[in-house]
Amino acid sequence: MRFIADVTVMPLEQLLDPQGKAVEMGLAQIGIKDIKAVRVGKNIRIELEASNTEEAEQKVRQASEQLLCNPITEYFTYQIVSK
């Protein structure tokens, strides 16, 4: 079966996010002042083959843990969005 998964990788909350701070300041400069905080991460869409949803989730977790995310500075979430 074909699955599509969206993986979101974000900086850990306790770490500074210079990209997020730059976006936050840029928003203020263009007049959007009600923004309280911005965090910048990345979204990765994976298309994969698996025999069932559990196998697809296992493959996405493995890819995220071993390649897509640096656990020292980031965390990830994922969602199987279609099959």
C-alpha atoms as a PDB file:
ATOM      1  CA  MET A   1       0.000   0.000   0.000  1.00  0.00           C
ATOM      2  CA  ARG A   2       1.086   3.563  -0.662  1.00  0.00           C
ATOM      3  CA  PHE A   3       1.200   6.006   2.256  1.00  0.00           C
ATOM      4  CA  ILE A   4       1.997   9.686   2.567  1.00  0.00           C
ATOM      5  CA  ALA A   5       3.385  11.039   5.822  1.00  0.00           C
ATOM      6  CA  ASP A   6       4.065  14.604   6.904  1.00  0.00           C
ATOM      7  CA  VAL A   7       6.953  14.963   9.336  1.00  0.00           C
ATOM      8  CA  THR A   8       7.438  18.225  11.220  1.00  0.00           C
ATOM      9  CA  VAL A   9      10.839  18.929  12.760  1.00  0.00           C
ATOM     10  CA  MET A  10      11.055  21.832  15.222  1.00  0.00           C
ATOM     11  CA  PRO A  11      13.760  23.253  17.479  1.00  0.00           C
ATOM     12  CA  LEU A  12      13.472  22.214  21.114  1.00  0.00           C
ATOM     13  CA  GLU A  13      11.453  24.721  23.131  1.00  0.00           C
ATOM     14  CA  GLN A  14      14.256  25.364  25.616  1.00  0.00           C
ATOM     15  CA  LEU A  15      16.684  26.402  22.838  1.00  0.00           C
ATOM     16  CA  LEU A  16      16.923  29.771  21.159  1.00  0.00           C
ATOM     17  CA  ASP A  17      15.535  29.936  17.626  1.00  0.00           C
ATOM     18  CA  PRO A  18      17.431  32.652  15.708  1.00  0.00           C
ATOM     19  CA  GLN A  19      15.367  32.114  12.542  1.00  0.00           C
ATOM     20  CA  GLY A  20      12.153  32.424  14.507  1.00  0.00           C
ATOM     21  CA  LYS A  21      13.400  35.598  16.190  1.00  0.00           C
ATOM     22  CA  ALA A  22      14.339  37.089  12.789  1.00  0.00           C
ATOM     23  CA  VAL A  23      10.853  36.345  11.428  1.00  0.00           C
ATOM     24  CA  GLU A  24       9.276  37.783  14.568  1.00  0.00           C
ATOM     25  CA  MET A  25      11.271  41.019  14.165  1.00  0.00           C
ATOM     26  CA  GLY A  26      10.467  41.169  10.442  1.00  0.00           C
ATOM     27  CA  LEU A  27       6.764  40.868  11.175  1.00  0.00           C
ATOM     28  CA  ALA A  28       7.003  43.760  13.643  1.00  0.00           C
ATOM     29  CA  GLN A  29       8.811  45.843  11.020  1.00  0.00           C
ATOM     30  CA  ILE A  30       5.966  45.403   8.551  1.00  0.00           C
ATOM     31  CA  GLY A  31       3.422  46.412  11.152  1.00  0.00           C
ATOM     32  CA  ILE A  32       2.251  43.048  12.472  1.00  0.00           C
ATOM     33  CA  LYS A  33       2.847  43.618  16.155  1.00  0.00           C
ATOM     34  CA  ASP A  34       0.485  41.140  17.840  1.00  0.00           C
ATOM     35  CA  ILE A  35       2.760  38.159  17.202  1.00  0.00           C
ATOM     36  CA  LYS A  36       4.105  36.889  20.542  1.00  0.00           C
ATOM     37  CA  ALA A  37       6.586  34.237  19.364  1.00  0.00           C
ATOM     38  CA  VAL A  38       7.688  32.511  16.171  1.00  0.00           C
ATOM     39  CA  ARG A  39       9.493  29.170  15.854  1.00  0.00           C
ATOM     40  CA  VAL A  40      10.851  28.056  12.486  1.00  0.00           C
ATOM     41  CA  GLY A  41      11.110  24.378  11.627  1.00  0.00           C
ATOM     42  CA  LYS A  42      10.790  22.200   8.585  1.00  0.00           C
ATOM     43  CA  ASN A  43       8.107  20.020   7.074  1.00  0.00           C
ATOM     44  CA  ILE A  44       9.051  16.882   5.147  1.00  0.00           C
ATOM     45  CA  ARG A  45       6.549  14.907   3.072  1.00  0.00           C
ATOM     46  CA  ILE A  46       7.397  11.235   2.617  1.00  0.00           C
ATOM     47  CA  GLU A  47       5.715   8.898   0.147  1.00  0.00           C
ATOM     48  CA  LEU A  48       6.333   5.271   1.002  1.00  0.00           C
ATOM     49  CA  GLU A  49       5.183   1.725   0.490  1.00  0.00           C
ATOM     50  CA  ALA A  50       4.193  -0.412   3.477  1.00  0.00           C
ATOM     51  CA  SER A  51       1.905  -3.359   4.069  1.00  0.00           C
ATOM     52  CA  ASN A  52      -0.132  -1.524   6.745  1.00  0.00           C
ATOM     53  CA  THR A  53      -0.351   1.709   8.736  1.00  0.00           C
ATOM     54  CA  GLU A  54       1.745   0.359  11.614  1.00  0.00           C
ATOM     55  CA  GLU A  55       4.601  -0.528   9.261  1.00  0.00           C
ATOM     56  CA  ALA A  56       4.362   2.889   7.598  1.00  0.00           C
ATOM     57  CA  GLU A  57       4.540   4.597  10.996  1.00  0.00           C
ATOM     58  CA  GLN A  58       7.554   2.499  11.986  1.00  0.00           C
ATOM     59  CA  LYS A  59       9.400   3.476   8.787  1.00  0.00           C
ATOM     60  CA  VAL A  60       8.593   7.159   9.250  1.00  0.00           C
ATOM     61  CA  ARG A  61       9.713   7.055  12.905  1.00  0.00           C
ATOM     62  CA  GLN A  62      12.962   5.355  11.920  1.00  0.00           C
ATOM     63  CA  ALA A  63      13.654   7.892   9.153  1.00  0.00           C
ATOM     64  CA  SER A  64      12.903  10.758  11.525  1.00  0.00           C
ATOM     65  CA  GLU A  65      15.020   9.421  14.389  1.00  0.00           C
ATOM     66  CA  GLN A  66      18.008   8.387  12.270  1.00  0.00           C
ATOM     67  CA  LEU A  67      18.152  11.086   9.591  1.00  0.00           C
ATOM     68  CA  LEU A  68      15.600  13.877   9.583  1.00  0.00           C
ATOM     69  CA  CYS A  69      15.894  15.097  13.174  1.00  0.00           C
ATOM     70  CA  ASN A  70      18.862  15.959  15.368  1.00  0.00           C
ATOM     71  CA  PRO A  71      17.583  14.909  18.822  1.00  0.00           C
ATOM     72  CA  ILE A  72      20.095  17.171  20.576  1.00  0.00           C
ATOM     73  CA  THR A  73      18.467  20.321  19.178  1.00  0.00           C
ATOM     74  CA  GLU A  74      15.158  19.222  17.619  1.00  0.00           C
ATOM     75  CA  TYR A  75      12.052  17.125  18.102  1.00  0.00           C
ATOM     76  CA  PHE A  76       9.704  15.683  15.498  1.00  0.00           C
ATOM     77  CA  THR A  77       6.065  14.839  15.068  1.00  0.00           C
ATOM     78  CA  TYR A  78       4.509  12.995  12.162  1.00  0.00           C
ATOM     79  CA  GLN A  79       1.145  12.171  10.737  1.00  0.00           C
ATOM     80  CA  ILE A  80       0.138   9.641   8.115  1.00  0.00           C
ATOM     81  CA  VAL A  81      -2.025  11.880   5.940  1.00  0.00           C
ATOM     82  CA  SER A  82      -3.268   9.421   3.308  1.00  0.00           C
ATOM     83  CA  LYS A  83      -2.977   5.987   1.848  1.00  0.00           C
END
